[in-house]
Amino acid sequence: MLLAHMRDCLTRIREYTQGDRSRFEGSRLVQDAVVRNLQTLTESSQRLSSEVRGTEPQVPWRELAGFRNVIVHGYLGVDLEAIWLVVEQDLPTLAEAVERMALRLSADG
């Protein structure tokens, strides 16, 4: 269930931004949607069991949790540049890890 939430958030962020920085920067609606989905994504990642997280040790789980705290507790001061860098540089790798975790869990039945 948590991985499904994470996949949905990753998909929505891709749909909202379409990988286009100007689309992100030019629309408060897109910014708000991306930040909200990042919040849900990071919250879900914190709730994954340590066993599931352990299957993808290259994912910086602690940093992800820290990023969640920045989003939740400092929304008005959130740096949109930092948000975009996460979207552009970190989410593709996280999406791949989420897919692998989901495949493993479905294979384990």
N, C-alpha and C. Protein backbone atom coordinates (compact mmCIF):
# COMPACT_ATOMS: atom_id res chain seq x y z
N MET A 1 0.82 -1.19 0.00
CA MET A 1 0.00 0.00 0.00
C MET A 1 0.87 1.27 0.00
N LEU A 2 1.88 1.29 0.86
CA LEU A 2 2.75 2.47 0.93
C LEU A 2 3.52 2.66 -0.38
N LEU A 3 4.00 1.55 -0.93
CA LEU A 3 4.72 1.66 -2.20
C LEU A 3 3.79 2.14 -3.30
N ALA A 4 2.53 1.73 -3.25
CA ALA A 4 1.56 2.21 -4.25
C ALA A 4 1.37 3.72 -4.11
N HIS A 5 1.30 4.21 -2.88
CA HIS A 5 1.20 5.66 -2.66
C HIS A 5 2.42 6.37 -3.23
N MET A 6 3.58 5.79 -2.97
CA MET A 6 4.82 6.40 -3.45
C MET A 6 4.85 6.43 -4.98
N ARG A 7 4.44 5.33 -5.60
CA ARG A 7 4.40 5.28 -7.07
C ARG A 7 3.44 6.34 -7.61
N ASP A 8 2.29 6.45 -6.99
CA ASP A 8 1.30 7.45 -7.44
C ASP A 8 1.87 8.86 -7.33
N CYS A 9 2.52 9.15 -6.23
CA CYS A 9 3.11 10.48 -6.05
C CYS A 9 4.18 10.76 -7.10
N LEU A 10 5.03 9.79 -7.35
CA LEU A 10 6.08 9.95 -8.35
C LEU A 10 5.48 10.18 -9.73
N THR A 11 4.44 9.43 -10.05
CA THR A 11 3.77 9.59 -11.35
C THR A 11 3.15 10.97 -11.46
N ARG A 12 2.48 11.40 -10.42
CA ARG A 12 1.84 12.73 -10.45
C ARG A 12 2.86 13.84 -10.61
N ILE A 13 3.95 13.74 -9.89
CA ILE A 13 4.99 14.77 -10.01
C ILE A 13 5.51 14.83 -11.44
N ARG A 14 5.75 13.67 -12.04
CA ARG A 14 6.19 13.65 -13.45
C ARG A 14 5.14 14.27 -14.36
N GLU A 15 3.88 13.94 -14.12
CA GLU A 15 2.80 14.50 -14.95
C GLU A 15 2.70 16.02 -14.78
N TYR A 16 2.79 16.49 -13.55
CA TYR A 16 2.65 17.92 -13.30
C TYR A 16 3.78 18.74 -13.90
N THR A 17 5.00 18.21 -13.81
CA THR A 17 6.15 18.99 -14.28
C THR A 17 6.53 18.67 -15.72
N GLN A 18 6.23 17.46 -16.15
CA GLN A 18 6.64 16.98 -17.48
C GLN A 18 8.13 17.21 -17.70
N GLY A 19 8.90 17.16 -16.62
CA GLY A 19 10.34 17.35 -16.71
C GLY A 19 10.76 18.73 -17.15
N ASP A 20 9.86 19.69 -17.05
CA ASP A 20 10.10 21.03 -17.57
C ASP A 20 10.18 22.04 -16.41
N ARG A 21 11.36 22.53 -16.19
CA ARG A 21 11.58 23.48 -15.10
C ARG A 21 10.70 24.73 -15.24
N SER A 22 10.56 25.24 -16.44
CA SER A 22 9.76 26.46 -16.63
C SER A 22 8.29 26.21 -16.30
N ARG A 23 7.83 25.00 -16.56
CA ARG A 23 6.46 24.64 -16.19
C ARG A 23 6.30 24.68 -14.67
N PHE A 24 7.29 24.17 -13.98
CA PHE A 24 7.28 24.18 -12.52
C PHE A 24 7.38 25.60 -11.98
N GLU A 25 8.34 26.36 -12.48
CA GLU A 25 8.57 27.71 -11.98
C GLU A 25 7.43 28.67 -12.32
N GLY A 26 6.74 28.40 -13.41
CA GLY A 26 5.73 29.33 -13.90
C GLY A 26 4.34 29.15 -13.34
N SER A 27 4.14 28.17 -12.48
CA SER A 27 2.79 27.91 -12.00
C SER A 27 2.79 27.58 -10.51
N ARG A 28 2.13 28.42 -9.74
CA ARG A 28 1.98 28.13 -8.31
C ARG A 28 1.18 26.85 -8.10
N LEU A 29 0.23 26.62 -8.97
CA LEU A 29 -0.57 25.41 -8.86
C LEU A 29 0.31 24.17 -9.00
N VAL A 30 1.20 24.18 -9.98
CA VAL A 30 2.13 23.05 -10.17
C VAL A 30 3.07 22.95 -8.97
N GLN A 31 3.58 24.07 -8.51
CA GLN A 31 4.48 24.06 -7.35
C GLN A 31 3.78 23.45 -6.13
N ASP A 32 2.55 23.90 -5.87
CA ASP A 32 1.80 23.38 -4.73
C ASP A 32 1.54 21.88 -4.88
N ALA A 33 1.18 21.46 -6.08
CA ALA A 33 0.90 20.04 -6.32
C ALA A 33 2.16 19.19 -6.13
N VAL A 34 3.27 19.69 -6.62
CA VAL A 34 4.53 18.96 -6.48
C VAL A 34 4.93 18.87 -5.01
N VAL A 35 4.86 19.98 -4.30
CA VAL A 35 5.24 19.98 -2.88
C VAL A 35 4.33 19.05 -2.10
N ARG A 36 3.05 19.08 -2.37
CA ARG A 36 2.11 18.20 -1.65
C ARG A 36 2.42 16.73 -1.92
N ASN A 37 2.71 16.40 -3.16
CA ASN A 37 3.03 15.01 -3.48
C ASN A 37 4.39 14.60 -2.92
N LEU A 38 5.33 15.52 -2.85
CA LEU A 38 6.60 15.22 -2.19
C LEU A 38 6.37 14.95 -0.71
N GLN A 39 5.48 15.71 -0.11
CA GLN A 39 5.16 15.50 1.31
C GLN A 39 4.59 14.10 1.52
N THR A 40 3.63 13.72 0.69
CA THR A 40 3.02 12.40 0.80
C THR A 40 4.04 11.30 0.53
N LEU A 41 4.86 11.52 -0.49
CA LEU A 41 5.90 10.56 -0.86
C LEU A 41 6.87 10.33 0.29
N THR A 42 7.36 11.41 0.87
CA THR A 42 8.34 11.27 1.94
C THR A 42 7.71 10.70 3.21
N GLU A 43 6.47 11.06 3.48
CA GLU A 43 5.75 10.49 4.63
C GLU A 43 5.59 8.98 4.45
N SER A 44 5.21 8.56 3.27
CA SER A 44 5.06 7.13 3.00
C SER A 44 6.39 6.41 3.13
N SER A 45 7.46 7.04 2.67
CA SER A 45 8.78 6.39 2.75
C SER A 45 9.20 6.16 4.19
N GLN A 46 8.82 7.05 5.08
CA GLN A 46 9.16 6.90 6.50
C GLN A 46 8.41 5.73 7.13
N ARG A 47 7.28 5.40 6.59
CA ARG A 47 6.45 4.34 7.17
C ARG A 47 6.78 2.95 6.63
N LEU A 48 7.65 2.89 5.63
CA LEU A 48 8.09 1.59 5.14
C LEU A 48 8.86 0.87 6.24
N SER A 49 8.73 -0.43 6.29
CA SER A 49 9.49 -1.18 7.29
C SER A 49 10.98 -1.09 7.00
N SER A 50 11.77 -1.25 8.03
CA SER A 50 13.22 -1.22 7.84
C SER A 50 13.66 -2.37 6.95
N GLU A 51 12.92 -3.46 6.98
CA GLU A 51 13.23 -4.61 6.10
C GLU A 51 13.06 -4.22 4.63
N VAL A 52 11.98 -3.55 4.31
CA VAL A 52 11.74 -3.12 2.93
C VAL A 52 12.77 -2.06 2.53
N ARG A 53 13.00 -1.08 3.38
CA ARG A 53 14.00 -0.05 3.07
C ARG A 53 15.38 -0.66 2.89
N GLY A 54 15.66 -1.71 3.66
CA GLY A 54 16.96 -2.37 3.61
C GLY A 54 17.26 -3.02 2.28
N THR A 55 16.23 -3.27 1.48
CA THR A 55 16.47 -3.88 0.16
C THR A 55 17.02 -2.87 -0.83
N GLU A 56 16.97 -1.59 -0.49
CA GLU A 56 17.49 -0.52 -1.35
C GLU A 56 18.38 0.40 -0.50
N PRO A 57 19.53 -0.12 -0.07
CA PRO A 57 20.37 0.66 0.85
C PRO A 57 20.98 1.92 0.22
N GLN A 58 20.99 2.00 -1.09
CA GLN A 58 21.57 3.19 -1.74
C GLN A 58 20.64 4.39 -1.66
N VAL A 59 19.37 4.16 -1.33
CA VAL A 59 18.44 5.29 -1.17
C VAL A 59 18.76 5.98 0.15
N PRO A 60 18.94 7.28 0.13
CA PRO A 60 19.26 8.01 1.37
C PRO A 60 18.01 8.23 2.22
N TRP A 61 17.57 7.18 2.91
CA TRP A 61 16.31 7.21 3.65
C TRP A 61 16.30 8.30 4.71
N ARG A 62 17.40 8.49 5.42
CA ARG A 62 17.45 9.53 6.45
C ARG A 62 17.29 10.92 5.86
N GLU A 63 17.98 11.15 4.75
CA GLU A 63 17.89 12.45 4.10
C GLU A 63 16.48 12.69 3.59
N LEU A 64 15.84 11.63 3.12
CA LEU A 64 14.45 11.73 2.65
C LEU A 64 13.54 12.14 3.80
N ALA A 65 13.76 11.55 4.97
CA ALA A 65 12.97 11.91 6.15
C ALA A 65 13.24 13.37 6.54
N GLY A 66 14.48 13.79 6.46
CA GLY A 66 14.82 15.17 6.77
C GLY A 66 14.18 16.14 5.80
N PHE A 67 14.15 15.75 4.54
CA PHE A 67 13.51 16.58 3.52
C PHE A 67 12.02 16.71 3.80
N ARG A 68 11.41 15.63 4.24
CA ARG A 68 9.99 15.66 4.61
C ARG A 68 9.75 16.68 5.70
N ASN A 69 10.62 16.72 6.70
CA ASN A 69 10.46 17.67 7.79
C ASN A 69 10.57 19.11 7.30
N VAL A 70 11.45 19.36 6.37
CA VAL A 70 11.58 20.70 5.80
C VAL A 70 10.29 21.10 5.10
N ILE A 71 9.73 20.16 4.33
CA ILE A 71 8.50 20.45 3.59
C ILE A 71 7.34 20.70 4.55
N VAL A 72 7.18 19.81 5.52
CA VAL A 72 6.02 19.89 6.42
C VAL A 72 6.10 21.09 7.35
N HIS A 73 7.28 21.36 7.87
CA HIS A 73 7.39 22.40 8.90
C HIS A 73 7.84 23.75 8.38
N GLY A 74 8.22 23.81 7.12
CA GLY A 74 8.70 25.09 6.61
C GLY A 74 8.17 25.44 5.25
N TYR A 75 6.92 25.07 4.98
CA TYR A 75 6.37 25.24 3.63
C TYR A 75 6.52 26.66 3.10
N LEU A 76 6.22 27.65 3.94
CA LEU A 76 6.29 29.03 3.45
C LEU A 76 7.71 29.43 3.11
N GLY A 77 8.66 28.74 3.71
CA GLY A 77 10.05 29.07 3.43
C GLY A 77 10.74 28.05 2.55
N VAL A 78 9.98 27.14 1.95
CA VAL A 78 10.59 26.10 1.12
C VAL A 78 11.25 26.73 -0.09
N ASP A 79 12.45 26.31 -0.34
CA ASP A 79 13.24 26.80 -1.46
C ASP A 79 12.83 26.04 -2.72
N LEU A 80 12.17 26.74 -3.64
CA LEU A 80 11.69 26.08 -4.85
C LEU A 80 12.83 25.57 -5.72
N GLU A 81 13.96 26.21 -5.65
CA GLU A 81 15.15 25.72 -6.37
C GLU A 81 15.54 24.34 -5.84
N ALA A 82 15.54 24.20 -4.52
CA ALA A 82 15.87 22.91 -3.91
C ALA A 82 14.84 21.86 -4.27
N ILE A 83 13.57 22.25 -4.28
CA ILE A 83 12.51 21.31 -4.67
C ILE A 83 12.74 20.83 -6.09
N TRP A 84 13.02 21.76 -7.00
CA TRP A 84 13.23 21.37 -8.40
C TRP A 84 14.44 20.44 -8.53
N LEU A 85 15.50 20.71 -7.81
CA LEU A 85 16.68 19.84 -7.88
C LEU A 85 16.34 18.42 -7.42
N VAL A 86 15.53 18.30 -6.38
CA VAL A 86 15.10 16.98 -5.93
C VAL A 86 14.29 16.30 -7.02
N VAL A 87 13.35 17.04 -7.61
CA VAL A 87 12.51 16.48 -8.68
C VAL A 87 13.37 16.00 -9.84
N GLU A 88 14.30 16.81 -10.23
CA GLU A 88 15.10 16.53 -11.42
C GLU A 88 16.19 15.48 -11.17
N GLN A 89 16.84 15.57 -10.02
CA GLN A 89 18.02 14.74 -9.79
C GLN A 89 17.77 13.50 -8.94
N ASP A 90 16.87 13.59 -7.98
CA ASP A 90 16.71 12.50 -7.02
C ASP A 90 15.52 11.59 -7.29
N LEU A 91 14.44 12.16 -7.79
CA LEU A 91 13.23 11.35 -7.95
C LEU A 91 13.36 10.24 -8.99
N PRO A 92 14.07 10.43 -10.10
CA PRO A 92 14.19 9.31 -11.04
C PRO A 92 14.83 8.07 -10.40
N THR A 93 15.87 8.28 -9.60
CA THR A 93 16.52 7.16 -8.92
C THR A 93 15.60 6.54 -7.88
N LEU A 94 14.88 7.39 -7.15
CA LEU A 94 13.94 6.89 -6.16
C LEU A 94 12.82 6.10 -6.83
N ALA A 95 12.35 6.58 -7.96
CA ALA A 95 11.29 5.87 -8.70
C ALA A 95 11.75 4.47 -9.10
N GLU A 96 12.99 4.36 -9.54
CA GLU A 96 13.53 3.04 -9.91
C GLU A 96 13.58 2.13 -8.68
N ALA A 97 14.00 2.66 -7.55
CA ALA A 97 14.07 1.87 -6.32
C ALA A 97 12.68 1.43 -5.87
N VAL A 98 11.71 2.32 -5.96
CA VAL A 98 10.34 1.98 -5.58
C VAL A 98 9.81 0.86 -6.48
N GLU A 99 10.09 0.93 -7.76
CA GLU A 99 9.66 -0.13 -8.68
C GLU A 99 10.29 -1.46 -8.31
N ARG A 100 11.58 -1.46 -8.00
CA ARG A 100 12.25 -2.71 -7.62
C ARG A 100 11.67 -3.27 -6.33
N MET A 101 11.40 -2.41 -5.36
CA MET A 101 10.82 -2.87 -4.10
C MET A 101 9.44 -3.47 -4.34
N ALA A 102 8.64 -2.81 -5.16
CA ALA A 102 7.29 -3.30 -5.46
C ALA A 102 7.36 -4.65 -6.16
N LEU A 103 8.28 -4.80 -7.10
CA LEU A 103 8.44 -6.08 -7.80
C LEU A 103 8.85 -7.18 -6.84
N ARG A 104 9.78 -6.87 -5.95
CA ARG A 104 10.22 -7.87 -4.97
C ARG A 104 9.06 -8.31 -4.08
N LEU A 105 8.30 -7.35 -3.61
CA LEU A 105 7.18 -7.68 -2.72
C LEU A 105 6.12 -8.50 -3.44
N SER A 106 5.85 -8.16 -4.69
CA SER A 106 4.84 -8.93 -5.43
C SER A 106 5.35 -10.33 -5.76
N ALA A 107 6.66 -10.47 -5.98
CA ALA A 107 7.24 -11.79 -6.27
C ALA A 107 7.24 -12.66 -5.02
N ASP A 108 7.40 -12.02 -3.86
CA ASP A 108 7.40 -12.76 -2.60
C ASP A 108 5.99 -13.18 -2.18
N GLY A 109 5.01 -12.55 -2.84
CA GLY A 109 3.62 -12.91 -2.62
C GLY A 109 3.12 -12.45 -1.32
